[in-house]
PDB file of N, CA and C in Angstrom:
ATOM      1  N   MET A   1       0.837  -1.182   0.000  1.00  0.00           N
ATOM      2  CA  MET A   1       0.000   0.000   0.000  1.00  0.00           C
ATOM      3  C   MET A   1       0.882   1.245   0.000  1.00  0.00           C
ATOM      4  N   ARG A   2       0.539   2.194  -0.819  1.00  0.00           N
ATOM      5  CA  ARG A   2       1.304   3.432  -0.899  1.00  0.00           C
ATOM      6  C   ARG A   2       0.984   4.355   0.259  1.00  0.00           C
ATOM      7  N   LYS A   3       1.981   5.132   0.643  1.00  0.00           N
ATOM      8  CA  LYS A   3       1.802   6.107   1.714  1.00  0.00           C
ATOM      9  C   LYS A   3       0.955   7.272   1.194  1.00  0.00           C
ATOM     10  N   LYS A   4       0.052   7.748   2.004  1.00  0.00           N
ATOM     11  CA  LYS A   4      -0.787   8.897   1.643  1.00  0.00           C
ATOM     12  C   LYS A   4      -0.019  10.177   1.967  1.00  0.00           C
ATOM     13  N   PHE A   5       0.049  11.075   1.014  1.00  0.00           N
ATOM     14  CA  PHE A   5       0.745  12.339   1.199  1.00  0.00           C
ATOM     15  C   PHE A   5      -0.258  13.477   1.274  1.00  0.00           C
ATOM     16  N   GLU A   6       0.098  14.467   2.044  1.00  0.00           N
ATOM     17  CA  GLU A   6      -0.713  15.675   2.131  1.00  0.00           C
ATOM     18  C   GLU A   6       0.059  16.833   1.536  1.00  0.00           C
ATOM     19  N   LYS A   7      -0.651  17.852   1.110  1.00  0.00           N
ATOM     20  CA  LYS A   7      -0.042  19.028   0.508  1.00  0.00           C
ATOM     21  C   LYS A   7       0.944  19.669   1.483  1.00  0.00           C
ATOM     22  N   GLY A   8       2.147  19.979   1.005  1.00  0.00           N
ATOM     23  CA  GLY A   8       3.169  20.622   1.824  1.00  0.00           C
ATOM     24  C   GLY A   8       4.085  19.652   2.547  1.00  0.00           C
ATOM     25  N   GLN A   9       3.767  18.357   2.492  1.00  0.00           N
ATOM     26  CA  GLN A   9       4.587  17.348   3.153  1.00  0.00           C
ATOM     27  C   GLN A   9       5.819  17.044   2.288  1.00  0.00           C
ATOM     28  N   PRO A  10       7.017  16.953   2.889  1.00  0.00           N
ATOM     29  CA  PRO A  10       8.215  16.665   2.097  1.00  0.00           C
ATOM     30  C   PRO A  10       8.175  15.266   1.480  1.00  0.00           C
ATOM     31  N   TYR A  11       8.717  15.143   0.276  1.00  0.00           N
ATOM     32  CA  TYR A  11       8.754  13.875  -0.451  1.00  0.00           C
ATOM     33  C   TYR A  11      10.095  13.769  -1.146  1.00  0.00           C
ATOM     34  N   ARG A  12      10.854  12.703  -0.879  1.00  0.00           N
ATOM     35  CA  ARG A  12      12.177  12.530  -1.468  1.00  0.00           C
ATOM     36  C   ARG A  12      12.242  11.182  -2.178  1.00  0.00           C
ATOM     37  N   PRO A  13      11.862  11.134  -3.445  1.00  0.00           N
ATOM     38  CA  PRO A  13      11.889   9.866  -4.172  1.00  0.00           C
ATOM     39  C   PRO A  13      13.319   9.468  -4.565  1.00  0.00           C
ATOM     40  N   ALA A  14      13.529   8.181  -4.776  1.00  0.00           N
ATOM     41  CA  ALA A  14      14.816   7.695  -5.277  1.00  0.00           C
ATOM     42  C   ALA A  14      14.821   7.915  -6.791  1.00  0.00           C
ATOM     43  N   ALA A  15      15.792   8.657  -7.276  1.00  0.00           N
ATOM     44  CA  ALA A  15      15.869   8.968  -8.705  1.00  0.00           C
ATOM     45  C   ALA A  15      17.151   8.399  -9.289  1.00  0.00           C
ATOM     46  N   LYS A  16      17.062   7.888 -10.511  1.00  0.00           N
ATOM     47  CA  LYS A  16      18.227   7.385 -11.232  1.00  0.00           C
ATOM     48  C   LYS A  16      18.513   8.352 -12.381  1.00  0.00           C
ATOM     49  N   VAL A  17      19.747   8.846 -12.452  1.00  0.00           N
ATOM     50  CA  VAL A  17      20.129   9.772 -13.512  1.00  0.00           C
ATOM     51  C   VAL A  17      20.351   8.967 -14.788  1.00  0.00           C
ATOM     52  N   ALA A  18      19.586   9.294 -15.843  1.00  0.00           N
ATOM     53  CA  ALA A  18      19.673   8.577 -17.107  1.00  0.00           C
ATOM     54  C   ALA A  18      20.565   9.301 -18.117  1.00  0.00           C
ATOM     55  N   LYS A  19      20.692  10.641 -17.978  1.00  0.00           N
ATOM     56  CA  LYS A  19      21.504  11.399 -18.934  1.00  0.00           C
ATOM     57  C   LYS A  19      22.048  12.648 -18.254  1.00  0.00           C
ATOM     58  N   VAL A  20      23.309  12.975 -18.565  1.00  0.00           N
ATOM     59  CA  VAL A  20      23.958  14.166 -18.015  1.00  0.00           C
ATOM     60  C   VAL A  20      24.548  14.964 -19.170  1.00  0.00           C
ATOM     61  N   LYS A  21      24.350  16.281 -19.143  1.00  0.00           N
ATOM     62  CA  LYS A  21      24.925  17.149 -20.165  1.00  0.00           C
ATOM     63  C   LYS A  21      25.586  18.325 -19.460  1.00  0.00           C
ATOM     64  N   ASN A  22      26.855  18.537 -19.715  1.00  0.00           N
ATOM     65  CA  ASN A  22      27.640  19.613 -19.093  1.00  0.00           C
ATOM     66  C   ASN A  22      27.563  19.569 -17.570  1.00  0.00           C
ATOM     67  N   GLY A  23      27.559  18.367 -17.016  1.00  0.00           N
ATOM     68  CA  GLY A  23      27.542  18.209 -15.570  1.00  0.00           C
ATOM     69  C   GLY A  23      26.182  18.364 -14.915  1.00  0.00           C
ATOM     70  N   THR A  24      25.126  18.593 -15.699  1.00  0.00           N
ATOM     71  CA  THR A  24      23.773  18.765 -15.164  1.00  0.00           C
ATOM     72  C   THR A  24      22.914  17.570 -15.565  1.00  0.00           C
ATOM     73  N   PRO A  25      22.254  16.924 -14.597  1.00  0.00           N
ATOM     74  CA  PRO A  25      21.350  15.828 -14.970  1.00  0.00           C
ATOM     75  C   PRO A  25      20.195  16.369 -15.816  1.00  0.00           C
ATOM     76  N   THR A  26      19.987  15.805 -16.994  1.00  0.00           N
ATOM     77  CA  THR A  26      18.933  16.284 -17.881  1.00  0.00           C
ATOM     78  C   THR A  26      17.780  15.297 -18.006  1.00  0.00           C
ATOM     79  N   VAL A  27      18.015  14.022 -17.677  1.00  0.00           N
ATOM     80  CA  VAL A  27      16.958  13.019 -17.712  1.00  0.00           C
ATOM     81  C   VAL A  27      17.034  12.198 -16.428  1.00  0.00           C
ATOM     82  N   LEU A  28      15.899  12.086 -15.726  1.00  0.00           N
ATOM     83  CA  LEU A  28      15.814  11.304 -14.497  1.00  0.00           C
ATOM     84  C   LEU A  28      14.770  10.213 -14.657  1.00  0.00           C
ATOM     85  N   LEU A  29      15.002   9.071 -14.013  1.00  0.00           N
ATOM     86  CA  LEU A  29      14.012   8.002 -13.960  1.00  0.00           C
ATOM     87  C   LEU A  29      13.547   7.881 -12.516  1.00  0.00           C
ATOM     88  N   ILE A  30      12.243   8.086 -12.293  1.00  0.00           N
ATOM     89  CA  ILE A  30      11.649   7.992 -10.963  1.00  0.00           C
ATOM     90  C   ILE A  30      10.449   7.069 -11.060  1.00  0.00           C
ATOM     91  N   ARG A  31      10.511   5.945 -10.331  1.00  0.00           N
ATOM     92  CA  ARG A  31       9.445   4.938 -10.326  1.00  0.00           C
ATOM     93  C   ARG A  31       9.048   4.514 -11.737  1.00  0.00           C
ATOM     94  N   GLY A  32      10.045   4.350 -12.607  1.00  0.00           N
ATOM     95  CA  GLY A  32       9.789   3.874 -13.961  1.00  0.00           C
ATOM     96  C   GLY A  32       9.322   4.929 -14.943  1.00  0.00           C
ATOM     97  N   LYS A  33       9.150   6.162 -14.495  1.00  0.00           N
ATOM     98  CA  LYS A  33       8.744   7.243 -15.398  1.00  0.00           C
ATOM     99  C   LYS A  33       9.947   8.112 -15.707  1.00  0.00           C
ATOM    100  N   ARG A  34       9.983   8.652 -16.927  1.00  0.00           N
ATOM    101  CA  ARG A  34      11.104   9.458 -17.400  1.00  0.00           C
ATOM    102  C   ARG A  34      10.757  10.935 -17.290  1.00  0.00           C
ATOM    103  N   TYR A  35      11.613  11.685 -16.582  1.00  0.00           N
ATOM    104  CA  TYR A  35      11.417  13.125 -16.409  1.00  0.00           C
ATOM    105  C   TYR A  35      12.578  13.842 -17.085  1.00  0.00           C
ATOM    106  N   VAL A  36      12.261  14.815 -17.949  1.00  0.00           N
ATOM    107  CA  VAL A  36      13.258  15.507 -18.760  1.00  0.00           C
ATOM    108  C   VAL A  36      13.328  16.972 -18.361  1.00  0.00           C
ATOM    109  N   LEU A  37      14.557  17.499 -18.207  1.00  0.00           N
ATOM    110  CA  LEU A  37      14.759  18.913 -17.915  1.00  0.00           C
ATOM    111  C   LEU A  37      14.333  19.727 -19.127  1.00  0.00           C
ATOM    112  N   ASP A  38      13.499  20.732 -18.908  1.00  0.00           N
ATOM    113  CA  ASP A  38      12.980  21.554 -19.998  1.00  0.00           C
ATOM    114  C   ASP A  38      13.200  23.024 -19.645  1.00  0.00           C
ATOM    115  N   HIS A  39      14.110  23.677 -20.363  1.00  0.00           N
ATOM    116  CA  HIS A  39      14.379  25.093 -20.129  1.00  0.00           C
ATOM    117  C   HIS A  39      13.320  25.946 -20.816  1.00  0.00           C
ATOM    118  N   LYS A  40      13.081  27.131 -20.263  1.00  0.00           N
ATOM    119  CA  LYS A  40      12.039  27.995 -20.827  1.00  0.00           C
ATOM    120  C   LYS A  40      12.358  28.468 -22.243  1.00  0.00           C
ATOM    121  N   ASP A  41      13.651  28.555 -22.606  1.00  0.00           N
ATOM    122  CA  ASP A  41      14.020  29.027 -23.943  1.00  0.00           C
ATOM    123  C   ASP A  41      14.331  27.881 -24.909  1.00  0.00           C
ATOM    124  N   ARG A  42      14.028  26.647 -24.520  1.00  0.00           N
ATOM    125  CA  ARG A  42      14.323  25.492 -25.374  1.00  0.00           C
ATOM    126  C   ARG A  42      13.460  25.510 -26.626  1.00  0.00           C
ATOM    127  N   GLY A  43      14.103  25.331 -27.771  1.00  0.00           N
ATOM    128  CA  GLY A  43      13.375  25.220 -29.010  1.00  0.00           C
ATOM    129  C   GLY A  43      13.051  26.527 -29.706  1.00  0.00           C
ATOM    130  N   LYS A  44      13.365  27.646 -29.102  1.00  0.00           N
ATOM    131  CA  LYS A  44      13.086  28.933 -29.739  1.00  0.00           C
ATOM    132  C   LYS A  44      14.263  29.348 -30.612  1.00  0.00           C
ATOM    133  N   ALA A  45      13.959  29.776 -31.822  1.00  0.00           N
ATOM    134  CA  ALA A  45      15.004  30.263 -32.725  1.00  0.00           C
ATOM    135  C   ALA A  45      15.480  31.635 -32.271  1.00  0.00           C
ATOM    136  N   LYS A  46      16.777  31.850 -32.390  1.00  0.00           N
ATOM    137  CA  LYS A  46      17.332  33.147 -31.974  1.00  0.00           C
ATOM    138  C   LYS A  46      17.612  34.028 -33.159  1.00  0.00           C
TER     139      LYS A  46
END
């Protein structure tokens, strides 16, 4: 059974770093889901 969380309660999941670019983790795996770092200016032409 999963623990019930309330709003504002601290949560520290175990994360596995899947990709690193310039020393910064850019892709994380948490509980089998993939989370990708997304910068606000990503994809915009300059």
